[in-house]
C-alpha atoms as a PDB file:
ATOM      1  CA  MET A   1      23.749-137.543-112.528  1.00  0.00           C
ATOM      2  CA  SER A   2      27.091-135.721-112.822  1.00  0.00           C
ATOM      3  CA  THR A   3      30.319-137.182-113.463  1.00  0.00           C
ATOM      4  CA  TYR A   4      33.067-136.882-112.123  1.00  0.00           C
ATOM      5  CA  LEU A   5      37.530-137.877-112.994  1.00  0.00           C
ATOM      6  CA  THR A   6      39.501-137.763-109.970  1.00  0.00           C
ATOM      7  CA  ILE A   7      43.269-137.903-111.211  1.00  0.00           C
ATOM      8  CA  LEU A   8      44.842-139.298-108.320  1.00  0.00           C
ATOM      9  CA  GLY A   9      48.418-140.217-109.785  1.00  0.00           C
ATOM     10  CA  TYR A  10      49.726-138.553-112.794  1.00  0.00           C
ATOM     11  CA  ASN A  11      53.907-138.377-112.803  1.00  0.00           C
ATOM     12  CA  SER A  12      55.388-140.933-115.254  1.00  0.00           C
ATOM     13  CA  ALA A  13      58.002-144.297-113.450  1.00  0.00           C
ATOM     14  CA  ILE A  14      58.620-143.251-110.091  1.00  0.00           C
ATOM     15  CA  PRO A  15      56.843-141.743-107.583  1.00  0.00           C
ATOM     16  CA  THR A  16      57.888-138.506-105.813  1.00  0.00           C
ATOM     17  CA  ILE A  17      56.325-136.777-102.692  1.00  0.00           C
ATOM     18  CA  ASN A  18      53.081-134.505-104.238  1.00  0.00           C
ATOM     19  CA  SER A  19      52.623-137.338-107.430  1.00  0.00           C
ATOM     20  CA  ALA A  20      51.949-140.827-108.430  1.00  0.00           C
ATOM     21  CA  PRO A  21      51.730-142.893-110.546  1.00  0.00           C
ATOM     22  CA  THR A  22      48.296-143.335-112.799  1.00  0.00           C
ATOM     23  CA  ALA A  23      46.226-143.603-111.498  1.00  0.00           C
ATOM     24  CA  GLN A  24      42.610-142.064-111.983  1.00  0.00           C
ATOM     25  CA  PHE A  25      39.035-142.112-110.291  1.00  0.00           C
ATOM     26  CA  LEU A  26      35.653-141.704-112.849  1.00  0.00           C
ATOM     27  CA  GLU A  27      32.244-141.789-110.989  1.00  0.00           C
ATOM     28  CA  MET A  28      29.509-142.058-113.659  1.00  0.00           C
ATOM     29  CA  GLU A  29      25.779-142.651-113.487  1.00  0.00           C
ATOM     30  CA  GLU A  30      26.029-143.801-110.532  1.00  0.00           C
ATOM     31  CA  ARG A  31      29.439-146.507-110.945  1.00  0.00           C
ATOM     32  CA  SER A  32      32.768-145.629-109.901  1.00  0.00           C
ATOM     33  CA  PHE A  33      35.855-147.468-112.292  1.00  0.00           C
ATOM     34  CA  LEU A  34      39.442-147.655-111.478  1.00  0.00           C
ATOM     35  CA  ILE A  35      41.303-146.017-114.285  1.00  0.00           C
ATOM     36  CA  ASP A  36      45.181-147.661-113.834  1.00  0.00           C
ATOM     37  CA  CYS A  37      46.700-148.340-110.161  1.00  0.00           C
ATOM     38  CA  GLY A  38      50.634-147.186-109.900  1.00  0.00           C
ATOM     39  CA  GLU A  39      51.701-147.427-106.488  1.00  0.00           C
ATOM     40  CA  GLY A  40      50.313-145.900-103.992  1.00  0.00           C
ATOM     41  CA  THR A  41      47.057-145.653-105.329  1.00  0.00           C
ATOM     42  CA  GLN A  42      45.175-147.226-102.538  1.00  0.00           C
ATOM     43  CA  VAL A  43      46.660-144.410-100.054  1.00  0.00           C
ATOM     44  CA  GLN A  44      45.455-141.899-103.155  1.00  0.00           C
ATOM     45  CA  LEU A  45      42.141-143.124-102.756  1.00  0.00           C
ATOM     46  CA  ARG A  46      42.092-142.582 -99.502  1.00  0.00           C
ATOM     47  CA  LYS A  47      42.958-138.670 -99.738  1.00  0.00           C
ATOM     48  CA  ALA A  48      40.976-138.569-102.131  1.00  0.00           C
ATOM     49  CA  LYS A  49      37.756-140.034 -99.762  1.00  0.00           C
ATOM     50  CA  ALA A  50      36.932-142.879-102.588  1.00  0.00           C
ATOM     51  CA  ARG A  51      34.377-145.626-100.538  1.00  0.00           C
ATOM     52  CA  PHE A  52      36.287-148.479-101.843  1.00  0.00           C
ATOM     53  CA  SER A  53      33.361-150.745-101.734  1.00  0.00           C
ATOM     54  CA  LYS A  54      32.345-149.176-104.708  1.00  0.00           C
ATOM     55  CA  ILE A  55      34.806-149.836-107.479  1.00  0.00           C
ATOM     56  CA  ASN A  56      33.492-153.086-108.952  1.00  0.00           C
ATOM     57  CA  HIS A  57      35.655-152.703-112.237  1.00  0.00           C
ATOM     58  CA  ILE A  58      39.390-151.332-112.971  1.00  0.00           C
ATOM     59  CA  PHE A  59      40.514-151.127-116.351  1.00  0.00           C
ATOM     60  CA  ILE A  60      44.494-151.560-116.264  1.00  0.00           C
ATOM     61  CA  SER A  61      46.166-149.926-119.349  1.00  0.00           C
ATOM     62  CA  HIS A  62      49.011-152.103-119.240  1.00  0.00           C
ATOM     63  CA  LEU A  63      51.480-153.687-117.216  1.00  0.00           C
ATOM     64  CA  HIS A  64      54.810-151.878-116.492  1.00  0.00           C
ATOM     65  CA  GLY A  65      54.768-151.437-112.795  1.00  0.00           C
ATOM     66  CA  ASP A  66      53.591-147.486-113.307  1.00  0.00           C
ATOM     67  CA  HIS A  67      50.605-148.354-113.984  1.00  0.00           C
ATOM     68  CA  CYS A  68      49.662-151.928-111.641  1.00  0.00           C
ATOM     69  CA  PHE A  69      51.755-151.810-108.934  1.00  0.00           C
ATOM     70  CA  GLY A  70      49.314-150.806-106.824  1.00  0.00           C
ATOM     71  CA  LEU A  71      47.039-153.686-107.720  1.00  0.00           C
ATOM     72  CA  PRO A  72      47.694-156.166-105.396  1.00  0.00           C
ATOM     73  CA  GLY A  73      48.075-153.888-102.709  1.00  0.00           C
ATOM     74  CA  LEU A  74      44.347-152.418-102.969  1.00  0.00           C
ATOM     75  CA  ILE A  75      43.071-155.981-103.581  1.00  0.00           C
ATOM     76  CA  ALA A  76      44.503-157.531-100.332  1.00  0.00           C
ATOM     77  CA  SER A  77      42.955-154.421 -98.568  1.00  0.00           C
ATOM     78  CA  PHE A  78      39.593-155.072-100.035  1.00  0.00           C
ATOM     79  CA  ARG A  79      40.636-158.371 -98.202  1.00  0.00           C
ATOM     80  CA  LEU A  80      40.258-156.326 -95.447  1.00  0.00           C
ATOM     81  CA  LEU A  81      37.791-154.109 -95.154  1.00  0.00           C
ATOM     82  CA  GLY A  82      35.025-157.282 -95.499  1.00  0.00           C
ATOM     83  CA  ARG A  83      34.152-157.361 -99.082  1.00  0.00           C
ATOM     84  CA  GLU A  84      31.905-159.991-100.819  1.00  0.00           C
ATOM     85  CA  THR A  85      30.711-158.155-104.006  1.00  0.00           C
ATOM     86  CA  PRO A  86      32.740-159.727-106.945  1.00  0.00           C
ATOM     87  CA  LEU A  87      35.858-157.284-108.957  1.00  0.00           C
ATOM     88  CA  HIS A  88      35.767-157.057-112.646  1.00  0.00           C
ATOM     89  CA  VAL A  89      40.024-156.489-114.087  1.00  0.00           C
ATOM     90  CA  TYR A  90      40.426-155.426-117.020  1.00  0.00           C
ATOM     91  CA  GLY A  91      44.031-155.652-118.521  1.00  0.00           C
ATOM     92  CA  PRO A  92      45.886-157.128-121.124  1.00  0.00           C
ATOM     93  CA  VAL A  93      47.246-160.957-120.914  1.00  0.00           C
ATOM     94  CA  GLY A  94      49.465-161.710-118.021  1.00  0.00           C
ATOM     95  CA  ILE A  95      47.492-159.990-115.497  1.00  0.00           C
ATOM     96  CA  LYS A  96      45.710-162.708-114.160  1.00  0.00           C
ATOM     97  CA  GLU A  97      48.809-164.492-113.968  1.00  0.00           C
ATOM     98  CA  MET A  98      50.562-161.945-112.070  1.00  0.00           C
ATOM     99  CA  LEU A  99      48.595-161.158-109.286  1.00  0.00           C
ATOM    100  CA  GLU A 100      46.974-164.541-109.119  1.00  0.00           C
ATOM    101  CA  THR A 101      50.373-165.508-108.304  1.00  0.00           C
ATOM    102  CA  ILE A 102      51.664-162.828-106.092  1.00  0.00           C
ATOM    103  CA  PHE A 103      48.578-163.655-104.335  1.00  0.00           C
ATOM    104  CA  ARG A 104      49.282-167.077-104.062  1.00  0.00           C
ATOM    105  CA  ILE A 105      52.957-167.303-102.355  1.00  0.00           C
ATOM    106  CA  THR A 106      51.487-164.716-100.212  1.00  0.00           C
ATOM    107  CA  GLU A 107      49.047-166.276 -98.888  1.00  0.00           C
ATOM    108  CA  THR A 108      46.672-163.262 -99.742  1.00  0.00           C
ATOM    109  CA  HIS A 109      42.505-164.774 -99.380  1.00  0.00           C
ATOM    110  CA  ARG A 110      40.864-163.204-100.923  1.00  0.00           C
ATOM    111  CA  GLY A 111      37.263-163.702 -99.623  1.00  0.00           C
ATOM    112  CA  PHE A 112      35.385-162.712-103.107  1.00  0.00           C
ATOM    113  CA  GLU A 113      35.696-163.478-106.544  1.00  0.00           C
ATOM    114  CA  VAL A 114      38.407-162.242-108.616  1.00  0.00           C
ATOM    115  CA  ILE A 115      37.395-161.375-112.751  1.00  0.00           C
ATOM    116  CA  TYR A 116      39.601-161.740-115.023  1.00  0.00           C
ATOM    117  CA  HIS A 117      38.422-159.938-117.997  1.00  0.00           C
ATOM    118  CA  GLU A 118      41.825-160.016-119.896  1.00  0.00           C
ATOM    119  CA  LEU A 119      42.516-158.232-123.695  1.00  0.00           C
ATOM    120  CA  SER A 120      44.370-159.552-126.328  1.00  0.00           C
ATOM    121  CA  SER A 121      42.866-157.145-129.660  1.00  0.00           C
ATOM    122  CA  LYS A 122      44.438-154.962-131.268  1.00  0.00           C
ATOM    123  CA  GLN A 123      41.126-153.619-132.355  1.00  0.00           C
ATOM    124  CA  SER A 124      39.010-151.967-129.745  1.00  0.00           C
ATOM    125  CA  GLU A 125      36.332-153.314-128.856  1.00  0.00           C
ATOM    126  CA  LYS A 126      33.330-153.053-126.504  1.00  0.00           C
ATOM    127  CA  ILE A 127      34.611-154.516-123.083  1.00  0.00           C
ATOM    128  CA  TYR A 128      31.795-153.471-120.538  1.00  0.00           C
ATOM    129  CA  ASP A 129      28.024-152.306-121.506  1.00  0.00           C
ATOM    130  CA  ASP A 130      24.953-152.355-119.350  1.00  0.00           C
ATOM    131  CA  LYS A 131      21.824-149.219-119.130  1.00  0.00           C
ATOM    132  CA  ARG A 132      23.514-146.102-118.962  1.00  0.00           C
ATOM    133  CA  VAL A 133      27.095-146.881-119.754  1.00  0.00           C
ATOM    134  CA  GLU A 134      29.704-148.917-121.959  1.00  0.00           C
ATOM    135  CA  VAL A 135      34.019-148.996-122.113  1.00  0.00           C
ATOM    136  CA  PHE A 136      35.334-149.665-125.314  1.00  0.00           C
ATOM    137  CA  THR A 137      39.232-150.040-125.781  1.00  0.00           C
ATOM    138  CA  ILE A 138      41.442-147.333-127.384  1.00  0.00           C
ATOM    139  CA  PRO A 139      44.795-149.373-128.960  1.00  0.00           C
ATOM    140  CA  LEU A 140      47.796-147.793-128.396  1.00  0.00           C
ATOM    141  CA  ASP A 141      51.454-147.902-129.599  1.00  0.00           C
ATOM    142  CA  HIS A 142      53.886-148.914-126.367  1.00  0.00           C
ATOM    143  CA  ARG A 143      56.978-150.958-125.978  1.00  0.00           C
ATOM    144  CA  ILE A 144      54.306-153.465-125.032  1.00  0.00           C
ATOM    145  CA  TYR A 145      50.626-154.269-125.453  1.00  0.00           C
ATOM    146  CA  CYS A 146      48.819-151.120-124.643  1.00  0.00           C
ATOM    147  CA  ASN A 147      44.939-149.619-124.086  1.00  0.00           C
ATOM    148  CA  GLY A 148      43.428-146.125-123.048  1.00  0.00           C
ATOM    149  CA  TYR A 149      39.959-146.893-122.603  1.00  0.00           C
ATOM    150  CA  LEU A 150      37.193-145.221-124.048  1.00  0.00           C
ATOM    151  CA  PHE A 151      33.900-144.574-121.353  1.00  0.00           C
ATOM    152  CA  ARG A 152      30.923-143.302-122.606  1.00  0.00           C
ATOM    153  CA  GLU A 153      27.389-142.809-121.041  1.00  0.00           C
ATOM    154  CA  LYS A 154      24.218-144.080-123.595  1.00  0.00           C
ATOM    155  CA  PRO A 155      21.177-141.389-124.568  1.00  0.00           C
ATOM    156  CA  LYS A 156      19.954-140.200-120.920  1.00  0.00           C
ATOM    157  CA  GLU A 157      16.196-140.477-120.364  1.00  0.00           C
ATOM    158  CA  ARG A 158      13.691-137.155-121.556  1.00  0.00           C
ATOM    159  CA  HIS A 159      12.217-134.752-118.121  1.00  0.00           C
ATOM    160  CA  LEU A 160       9.125-134.582-117.647  1.00  0.00           C
ATOM    161  CA  ASN A 161       7.185-131.682-118.189  1.00  0.00           C
ATOM    162  CA  MET A 162       5.493-131.976-114.923  1.00  0.00           C
ATOM    163  CA  ALA A 163       3.702-128.487-115.030  1.00  0.00           C
ATOM    164  CA  GLU A 164       1.745-130.205-118.515  1.00  0.00           C
ATOM    165  CA  ILE A 165       0.705-133.882-117.055  1.00  0.00           C
ATOM    166  CA  SER A 166      -0.860-132.862-114.462  1.00  0.00           C
ATOM    167  CA  LYS A 167      -3.408-131.065-116.676  1.00  0.00           C
ATOM    168  CA  TYR A 168      -4.501-135.279-117.850  1.00  0.00           C
ATOM    169  CA  GLU A 169      -6.123-136.991-114.252  1.00  0.00           C
ATOM    170  CA  GLU A 170      -5.666-140.071-116.760  1.00  0.00           C
ATOM    171  CA  ILE A 171      -1.958-140.267-117.092  1.00  0.00           C
ATOM    172  CA  GLN A 172      -0.866-142.360-113.733  1.00  0.00           C
ATOM    173  CA  THR A 173       2.002-142.220-112.033  1.00  0.00           C
ATOM    174  CA  CYS A 174       3.048-146.046-113.045  1.00  0.00           C
ATOM    175  CA  GLY A 175       2.645-144.461-116.673  1.00  0.00           C
ATOM    176  CA  TYR A 176       5.757-142.324-116.527  1.00  0.00           C
ATOM    177  CA  GLN A 177       8.670-144.322-117.758  1.00  0.00           C
ATOM    178  CA  ASN A 178       6.913-144.722-120.274  1.00  0.00           C
ATOM    179  CA  ILE A 179       6.968-141.040-121.389  1.00  0.00           C
ATOM    180  CA  LYS A 180      10.486-141.060-119.889  1.00  0.00           C
ATOM    181  CA  ASN A 181      11.510-143.125-122.215  1.00  0.00           C
ATOM    182  CA  GLY A 182       9.757-141.317-125.367  1.00  0.00           C
ATOM    183  CA  LYS A 183       5.986-142.958-125.433  1.00  0.00           C
ATOM    184  CA  ASP A 184       4.285-141.089-126.998  1.00  0.00           C
ATOM    185  CA  ILE A 185       0.144-141.408-124.475  1.00  0.00           C
ATOM    186  CA  VAL A 186      -2.832-142.381-125.799  1.00  0.00           C
ATOM    187  CA  LEU A 187      -6.421-140.635-123.509  1.00  0.00           C
ATOM    188  CA  SER A 188      -9.726-142.753-123.896  1.00  0.00           C
ATOM    189  CA  ASP A 189     -10.780-140.886-126.132  1.00  0.00           C
ATOM    190  CA  GLY A 190      -8.233-141.568-128.652  1.00  0.00           C
ATOM    191  CA  TYR A 191      -6.423-138.302-128.399  1.00  0.00           C
ATOM    192  CA  VAL A 192      -2.500-138.636-129.160  1.00  0.00           C
ATOM    193  CA  LEU A 193      -0.473-137.129-126.604  1.00  0.00           C
ATOM    194  CA  LYS A 194       2.595-136.251-127.870  1.00  0.00           C
ATOM    195  CA  ASN A 195       6.171-137.560-126.384  1.00  0.00           C
ATOM    196  CA  GLU A 196       7.695-133.957-127.074  1.00  0.00           C
ATOM    197  CA  LYS A 197       4.603-131.867-125.679  1.00  0.00           C
ATOM    198  CA  LEU A 198       4.487-134.287-122.204  1.00  0.00           C
ATOM    199  CA  THR A 199       9.199-134.185-121.578  1.00  0.00           C
ATOM    200  CA  ASN A 200      11.594-131.630-121.914  1.00  0.00           C
ATOM    201  CA  ALA A 201      15.087-132.446-123.905  1.00  0.00           C
ATOM    202  CA  PRO A 202      16.935-135.486-121.699  1.00  0.00           C
ATOM    203  CA  SER A 203      20.432-134.361-120.255  1.00  0.00           C
ATOM    204  CA  PRO A 204      22.934-134.550-122.910  1.00  0.00           C
ATOM    205  CA  SER A 205      25.508-137.676-122.538  1.00  0.00           C
ATOM    206  CA  VAL A 206      28.856-137.412-122.015  1.00  0.00           C
ATOM    207  CA  SER A 207      32.383-139.240-122.963  1.00  0.00           C
ATOM    208  CA  TYR A 208      35.297-139.606-121.357  1.00  0.00           C
ATOM    209  CA  ALA A 209      38.837-140.572-123.290  1.00  0.00           C
ATOM    210  CA  PHE A 210      41.719-142.068-121.402  1.00  0.00           C
ATOM    211  CA  CYS A 211      44.876-142.419-123.591  1.00  0.00           C
ATOM    212  CA  SER A 212      47.631-144.024-121.306  1.00  0.00           C
ATOM    213  CA  ASP A 213      51.608-144.339-122.171  1.00  0.00           C
ATOM    214  CA  THR A 214      51.970-144.271-126.164  1.00  0.00           C
ATOM    215  CA  ARG A 215      53.629-143.143-129.148  1.00  0.00           C
ATOM    216  CA  TYR A 216      51.882-139.992-131.535  1.00  0.00           C
ATOM    217  CA  ASN A 217      49.221-142.413-132.852  1.00  0.00           C
ATOM    218  CA  GLU A 218      46.627-140.836-135.419  1.00  0.00           C
ATOM    219  CA  SER A 219      44.548-144.314-135.743  1.00  0.00           C
ATOM    220  CA  ILE A 220      43.136-143.051-132.973  1.00  0.00           C
ATOM    221  CA  LEU A 221      40.661-140.172-134.108  1.00  0.00           C
ATOM    222  CA  SER A 222      37.866-141.784-135.375  1.00  0.00           C
ATOM    223  CA  LEU A 223      37.534-143.685-131.880  1.00  0.00           C
ATOM    224  CA  ILE A 224      38.197-139.843-129.530  1.00  0.00           C
ATOM    225  CA  ASP A 225      36.155-137.890-132.020  1.00  0.00           C
ATOM    226  CA  GLY A 226      34.307-135.437-130.286  1.00  0.00           C
ATOM    227  CA  VAL A 227      34.816-136.493-126.415  1.00  0.00           C
ATOM    228  CA  ASP A 228      34.283-134.318-123.880  1.00  0.00           C
ATOM    229  CA  VAL A 229      37.122-134.782-122.091  1.00  0.00           C
ATOM    230  CA  LEU A 230      40.456-136.147-123.280  1.00  0.00           C
ATOM    231  CA  TYR A 231      43.272-137.520-121.462  1.00  0.00           C
ATOM    232  CA  HIS A 232      46.578-138.021-122.884  1.00  0.00           C
ATOM    233  CA  GLU A 233      49.628-138.701-121.993  1.00  0.00           C
ATOM    234  CA  SER A 234      52.573-135.967-122.965  1.00  0.00           C
ATOM    235  CA  THR A 235      56.167-137.737-121.422  1.00  0.00           C
ATOM    236  CA  PHE A 236      58.543-135.506-122.765  1.00  0.00           C
ATOM    237  CA  LEU A 237      58.347-131.693-124.284  1.00  0.00           C
ATOM    238  CA  HIS A 238      58.150-132.189-128.093  1.00  0.00           C
ATOM    239  CA  GLU A 239      62.546-130.986-129.275  1.00  0.00           C
ATOM    240  CA  LEU A 240      62.645-134.097-127.297  1.00  0.00           C
ATOM    241  CA  LYS A 241      60.721-135.591-129.882  1.00  0.00           C
ATOM    242  CA  LYS A 242      62.261-138.656-130.919  1.00  0.00           C
ATOM    243  CA  MET A 243      63.174-139.920-126.571  1.00  0.00           C
ATOM    244  CA  ALA A 244      59.262-139.981-126.878  1.00  0.00           C
ATOM    245  CA  GLU A 245      59.413-141.922-130.348  1.00  0.00           C
ATOM    246  CA  TYR A 246      62.195-144.624-128.604  1.00  0.00           C
ATOM    247  CA  THR A 247      60.125-145.192-125.836  1.00  0.00           C
ATOM    248  CA  GLY A 248      56.974-145.011-126.585  1.00  0.00           C
ATOM    249  CA  HIS A 249      55.368-142.295-125.667  1.00  0.00           C
ATOM    250  CA  THR A 250      54.267-138.584-126.992  1.00  0.00           C
ATOM    251  CA  THR A 251      55.450-135.498-126.828  1.00  0.00           C
ATOM    252  CA  ALA A 252      53.107-132.150-124.995  1.00  0.00           C
ATOM    253  CA  LEU A 253      53.134-131.065-128.792  1.00  0.00           C
ATOM    254  CA  GLU A 254      51.672-133.944-131.454  1.00  0.00           C
ATOM    255  CA  ALA A 255      48.856-134.525-127.859  1.00  0.00           C
ATOM    256  CA  ALA A 256      47.628-131.435-128.212  1.00  0.00           C
ATOM    257  CA  HIS A 257      47.851-132.157-132.083  1.00  0.00           C
ATOM    258  CA  ILE A 258      44.991-135.394-131.522  1.00  0.00           C
ATOM    259  CA  ALA A 259      42.790-132.899-128.936  1.00  0.00           C
ATOM    260  CA  LYS A 260      42.426-130.719-131.990  1.00  0.00           C
ATOM    261  CA  MET A 261      41.781-133.304-134.524  1.00  0.00           C
ATOM    262  CA  ALA A 262      39.435-135.185-132.196  1.00  0.00           C
ATOM    263  CA  ASN A 263      37.972-132.206-132.196  1.00  0.00           C
ATOM    264  CA  VAL A 264      37.573-133.484-128.397  1.00  0.00           C
ATOM    265  CA  GLY A 265      36.189-130.013-125.770  1.00  0.00           C
ATOM    266  CA  LYS A 266      39.581-130.276-122.919  1.00  0.00           C
ATOM    267  CA  LEU A 267      43.099-132.001-123.429  1.00  0.00           C
ATOM    268  CA  ILE A 268      44.642-132.791-120.056  1.00  0.00           C
ATOM    269  CA  LEU A 269      48.367-133.277-119.765  1.00  0.00           C
ATOM    270  CA  GLY A 270      49.711-135.735-117.969  1.00  0.00           C
ATOM    271  CA  HIS A 271      52.647-138.809-117.503  1.00  0.00           C
ATOM    272  CA  PHE A 272      55.341-136.590-117.301  1.00  0.00           C
ATOM    273  CA  SER A 273      59.065-137.849-116.784  1.00  0.00           C
ATOM    274  CA  ASN A 274      60.456-136.036-114.170  1.00  0.00           C
ATOM    275  CA  ARG A 275      63.206-134.507-115.573  1.00  0.00           C
ATOM    276  CA  TYR A 276      60.227-131.156-116.068  1.00  0.00           C
ATOM    277  CA  ASN A 277      59.999-129.297-112.249  1.00  0.00           C
ATOM    278  CA  ASP A 278      58.030-126.916-113.939  1.00  0.00           C
ATOM    279  CA  LEU A 279      55.076-128.968-116.082  1.00  0.00           C
ATOM    280  CA  GLU A 280      53.706-125.217-117.513  1.00  0.00           C
ATOM    281  CA  LEU A 281      56.698-125.514-119.770  1.00  0.00           C
ATOM    282  CA  LEU A 282      54.526-128.583-121.393  1.00  0.00           C
ATOM    283  CA  ARG A 283      50.936-127.007-120.986  1.00  0.00           C
ATOM    284  CA  ASP A 284      51.814-123.374-122.570  1.00  0.00           C
ATOM    285  CA  GLU A 285      53.855-125.803-125.458  1.00  0.00           C
ATOM    286  CA  ALA A 286      50.142-127.645-126.252  1.00  0.00           C
ATOM    287  CA  ARG A 287      48.289-124.365-125.670  1.00  0.00           C
ATOM    288  CA  GLN A 288      50.053-123.218-128.546  1.00  0.00           C
ATOM    289  CA  ILE A 289      48.169-125.770-130.971  1.00  0.00           C
ATOM    290  CA  PHE A 290      44.709-126.794-128.274  1.00  0.00           C
ATOM    291  CA  PRO A 291      43.638-123.861-126.068  1.00  0.00           C
ATOM    292  CA  GLU A 292      41.784-125.994-124.252  1.00  0.00           C
ATOM    293  CA  THR A 293      45.011-127.621-122.447  1.00  0.00           C
ATOM    294  CA  GLU A 294      44.813-128.465-118.842  1.00  0.00           C
ATOM    295  CA  LEU A 295      47.149-129.838-116.021  1.00  0.00           C
ATOM    296  CA  PRO A 296      45.326-132.608-113.615  1.00  0.00           C
ATOM    297  CA  ASN A 297      44.288-131.110-110.153  1.00  0.00           C
ATOM    298  CA  ALA A 298      45.440-134.369-108.408  1.00  0.00           C
ATOM    299  CA  LEU A 299      42.971-135.378-105.763  1.00  0.00           C
ATOM    300  CA  VAL A 300      40.452-132.641-107.233  1.00  0.00           C
ATOM    301  CA  PRO A 301      37.191-134.554-108.255  1.00  0.00           C
ATOM    302  CA  LEU A 302      36.829-132.274-112.525  1.00  0.00           C
ATOM    303  CA  LYS A 303      33.331-132.298-113.347  1.00  0.00           C
ATOM    304  CA  ILE A 304      32.800-133.982-117.116  1.00  0.00           C
ATOM    305  CA  GLU A 305      30.392-131.592-118.904  1.00  0.00           C
ATOM    306  CA  SER A 306      28.679-132.435-122.691  1.00  0.00           C
ATOM    307  CA  HIS A 307      31.602-129.180-124.939  1.00  0.00           C
END
């Protein structure tokens, strides 16, 4: 099962004809996660042909409008589409009050439960965990409380070597799961079949880090070390470093430094100021430091692979 990232929107603050505010759709181990939900996200989801019913977990980095103003409308659409399963929303303290106030005033009746996971810690914490995937917060340094998110596949099962397994009639189908889990097989005569003989190495697990609005922040390096793909905001060119610092943002050059020091596989820039018509300027600046830098390709799924 492959992991795909679809960037739905990547510009800062104001939507434009050709781009939308921050939102991303991540498919990992048959789970569908929505990361941030700027204005127009549900339209972008439709363009990307994403299935609304698959989204059960939404992660909001912070409560600036370009990262969350699309959320009330999306949840309202879930109701109109007949959703009944619970929806988990992760975000800063205040997100429940914001959404529930809108729902109350607009008399929006959902028909399904919204489970809020409000965050306030300034230390990284695991906020989602199942058999295949885990998600951690990445504390960032913005004007208001803000988190990035680290999505990581857990170690995968080993692959069955059927050519070898078929040589032993004693091995039944019901025992395949134990073999996948790495266990040896003891035959009736006491002979031990080592697992490495019956299996092949598992597919490598992959990881993805989303770093939303933040000043240059080396404290995140240990959290994102070695991730396969890093999305990092790069609102300005480095000539506007003072403005970036003042407004709580990062330059393209600074994002590249983070990527290089964290030994990531690929860097994707985003959250660009509307002052830039030519985004290749930001990409080229970052590539001076980190050659594996790309601009976001909106609505086109990117396969995340181990590097």
